[in-house]
Amino acid sequence: MEPYSQELRQFIIDNFLFGEQSGRFAFSDDDSLQERGIVDSTGILELVCHLEERYAIEVAEDDLIPDNLGSVSRIARFVDGKRRGAAELLARAS
């Protein structure tokens, strides 16, 4: 999940913090993005679009919960799970 975490962190820094990642904008991979004020509800939609395009996954309405999208770590686990699930489906279909 490390590659996901690094890329996701960079996306968040570039798109929501305008490249600033120090001082009051510093955050860990386990920090709540909404509680820290880094991503708001509109930002979650932008993040979902990025996840769907970048990782070729589908994010369902039921997936829009803090357990999946609350922090960099949770997003990385969510993406990893979605991609593994898709790969397993493809393998079974072959």
C-alpha atoms as a PDB file:
ATOM      1  CA  MET A   1       0.000   0.000   0.000  1.00  0.00           C
ATOM      2  CA  GLU A   2       3.014   2.272   0.308  1.00  0.00           C
ATOM      3  CA  PRO A   3       2.955   3.316  -3.377  1.00  0.00           C
ATOM      4  CA  TYR A   4      -0.724   4.235  -2.993  1.00  0.00           C
ATOM      5  CA  SER A   5      -0.033   6.232   0.166  1.00  0.00           C
ATOM      6  CA  GLN A   6       2.754   8.245  -1.411  1.00  0.00           C
ATOM      7  CA  GLU A   7       0.791   9.063  -4.551  1.00  0.00           C
ATOM      8  CA  LEU A   8      -2.385   9.864  -2.605  1.00  0.00           C
ATOM      9  CA  ARG A   9      -0.495  12.108  -0.175  1.00  0.00           C
ATOM     10  CA  GLN A  10       1.020  14.000  -3.100  1.00  0.00           C
ATOM     11  CA  PHE A  11      -2.377  14.380  -4.775  1.00  0.00           C
ATOM     12  CA  ILE A  12      -3.839  15.812  -1.555  1.00  0.00           C
ATOM     13  CA  ILE A  13      -0.914  18.179  -1.066  1.00  0.00           C
ATOM     14  CA  ASP A  14      -1.024  19.399  -4.667  1.00  0.00           C
ATOM     15  CA  ASN A  15      -4.799  19.756  -4.969  1.00  0.00           C
ATOM     16  CA  PHE A  16      -6.013  20.746  -1.507  1.00  0.00           C
ATOM     17  CA  LEU A  17      -2.977  22.355   0.140  1.00  0.00           C
ATOM     18  CA  PHE A  18      -1.580  23.995  -3.017  1.00  0.00           C
ATOM     19  CA  GLY A  19       1.784  22.325  -2.547  1.00  0.00           C
ATOM     20  CA  GLU A  20       2.239  23.356   1.103  1.00  0.00           C
ATOM     21  CA  GLN A  21       2.967  20.511   3.500  1.00  0.00           C
ATOM     22  CA  SER A  22       4.725  22.112   6.451  1.00  0.00           C
ATOM     23  CA  GLY A  23       3.694  23.975   9.583  1.00  0.00           C
ATOM     24  CA  ARG A  24      -0.040  24.045  10.107  1.00  0.00           C
ATOM     25  CA  PHE A  25      -0.520  22.049   6.897  1.00  0.00           C
ATOM     26  CA  ALA A  26       1.561  19.078   8.085  1.00  0.00           C
ATOM     27  CA  PHE A  27      -0.424  15.879   8.504  1.00  0.00           C
ATOM     28  CA  SER A  28       0.237  12.187   8.997  1.00  0.00           C
ATOM     29  CA  ASP A  29      -1.183   9.392   6.907  1.00  0.00           C
ATOM     30  CA  ASP A  30      -3.540   8.532   9.773  1.00  0.00           C
ATOM     31  CA  ASP A  31      -4.880  12.056  10.408  1.00  0.00           C
ATOM     32  CA  SER A  32      -8.534  12.660   9.552  1.00  0.00           C
ATOM     33  CA  LEU A  33      -8.524  14.797   6.420  1.00  0.00           C
ATOM     34  CA  GLN A  34     -11.910  16.335   7.213  1.00  0.00           C
ATOM     35  CA  GLU A  35     -11.246  16.965  10.905  1.00  0.00           C
ATOM     36  CA  ARG A  36      -7.954  18.682  10.030  1.00  0.00           C
ATOM     37  CA  GLY A  37      -9.783  20.844   7.496  1.00  0.00           C
ATOM     38  CA  ILE A  38      -7.696  19.560   4.598  1.00  0.00           C
ATOM     39  CA  VAL A  39     -10.582  18.144   2.556  1.00  0.00           C
ATOM     40  CA  ASP A  40     -14.208  19.283   2.684  1.00  0.00           C
ATOM     41  CA  SER A  41     -17.276  17.592   1.192  1.00  0.00           C
ATOM     42  CA  THR A  42     -16.586  19.045  -2.252  1.00  0.00           C
ATOM     43  CA  GLY A  43     -13.005  17.872  -1.967  1.00  0.00           C
ATOM     44  CA  ILE A  44     -14.201  14.333  -1.275  1.00  0.00           C
ATOM     45  CA  LEU A  45     -15.976  14.390  -4.644  1.00  0.00           C
ATOM     46  CA  GLU A  46     -12.791  15.567  -6.344  1.00  0.00           C
ATOM     47  CA  LEU A  47     -10.871  12.837  -4.539  1.00  0.00           C
ATOM     48  CA  VAL A  48     -13.393  10.200  -5.654  1.00  0.00           C
ATOM     49  CA  CYS A  49     -13.058  11.318  -9.284  1.00  0.00           C
ATOM     50  CA  HIS A  50      -9.289  11.035  -8.970  1.00  0.00           C
ATOM     51  CA  LEU A  51      -9.520   7.537  -7.470  1.00  0.00           C
ATOM     52  CA  GLU A  52     -11.850   6.334 -10.212  1.00  0.00           C
ATOM     53  CA  GLU A  53      -9.714   7.759 -13.017  1.00  0.00           C
ATOM     54  CA  ARG A  54      -6.251   7.018 -11.618  1.00  0.00           C
ATOM     55  CA  TYR A  55      -6.886   3.547 -10.243  1.00  0.00           C
ATOM     56  CA  ALA A  56      -9.691   2.382 -12.558  1.00  0.00           C
ATOM     57  CA  ILE A  57     -12.007   1.569  -9.665  1.00  0.00           C
ATOM     58  CA  GLU A  58     -15.652   2.313  -9.070  1.00  0.00           C
ATOM     59  CA  VAL A  59     -16.536   4.166  -5.887  1.00  0.00           C
ATOM     60  CA  ALA A  60     -20.149   3.449  -4.988  1.00  0.00           C
ATOM     61  CA  GLU A  61     -22.301   5.750  -2.896  1.00  0.00           C
ATOM     62  CA  ASP A  62     -22.073   3.235  -0.036  1.00  0.00           C
ATOM     63  CA  ASP A  63     -18.266   3.576  -0.166  1.00  0.00           C
ATOM     64  CA  LEU A  64     -18.395   7.281   0.758  1.00  0.00           C
ATOM     65  CA  ILE A  65     -17.701   6.776   4.451  1.00  0.00           C
ATOM     66  CA  PRO A  66     -14.818   7.880   6.722  1.00  0.00           C
ATOM     67  CA  ASP A  67     -13.666   4.265   7.109  1.00  0.00           C
ATOM     68  CA  ASN A  68     -12.793   4.330   3.396  1.00  0.00           C
ATOM     69  CA  LEU A  69     -11.933   7.958   2.699  1.00  0.00           C
ATOM     70  CA  GLY A  70     -11.058   9.497   6.074  1.00  0.00           C
ATOM     71  CA  SER A  71      -7.260   9.504   5.907  1.00  0.00           C
ATOM     72  CA  VAL A  72      -4.438   8.727   3.511  1.00  0.00           C
ATOM     73  CA  SER A  73      -3.992   5.305   5.138  1.00  0.00           C
ATOM     74  CA  ARG A  74      -7.675   4.467   4.873  1.00  0.00           C
ATOM     75  CA  ILE A  75      -7.861   5.606   1.260  1.00  0.00           C
ATOM     76  CA  ALA A  76      -4.806   3.495   0.386  1.00  0.00           C
ATOM     77  CA  ARG A  77      -6.399   0.408   2.000  1.00  0.00           C
ATOM     78  CA  PHE A  78      -9.671   1.134   0.199  1.00  0.00           C
ATOM     79  CA  VAL A  79      -7.958   1.447  -3.199  1.00  0.00           C
ATOM     80  CA  ASP A  80      -5.898  -1.679  -2.554  1.00  0.00           C
ATOM     81  CA  GLY A  81      -9.029  -3.640  -1.631  1.00  0.00           C
ATOM     82  CA  LYS A  82     -10.966  -2.439  -4.662  1.00  0.00           C
ATOM     83  CA  ARG A  83      -8.115  -3.254  -7.029  1.00  0.00           C
ATOM     84  CA  ARG A  84      -7.533  -6.696  -5.501  1.00  0.00           C
ATOM     85  CA  GLY A  85     -11.250  -7.424  -5.774  1.00  0.00           C
ATOM     86  CA  ALA A  86     -11.269  -6.452  -9.445  1.00  0.00           C
ATOM     87  CA  ALA A  87      -8.178  -8.552 -10.137  1.00  0.00           C
ATOM     88  CA  GLU A  88      -9.786 -11.582  -8.456  1.00  0.00           C
ATOM     89  CA  LEU A  89     -12.913 -11.183 -10.563  1.00  0.00           C
ATOM     90  CA  LEU A  90     -10.830 -11.036 -13.734  1.00  0.00           C
ATOM     91  CA  ALA A  91      -8.870 -14.108 -12.702  1.00  0.00           C
ATOM     92  CA  ARG A  92     -12.051 -16.094 -12.070  1.00  0.00           C
ATOM     93  CA  ALA A  93     -13.491 -15.047 -15.429  1.00  0.00           C
ATOM     94  CA  SER A  94     -10.429 -16.308 -17.311  1.00  0.00           C
END
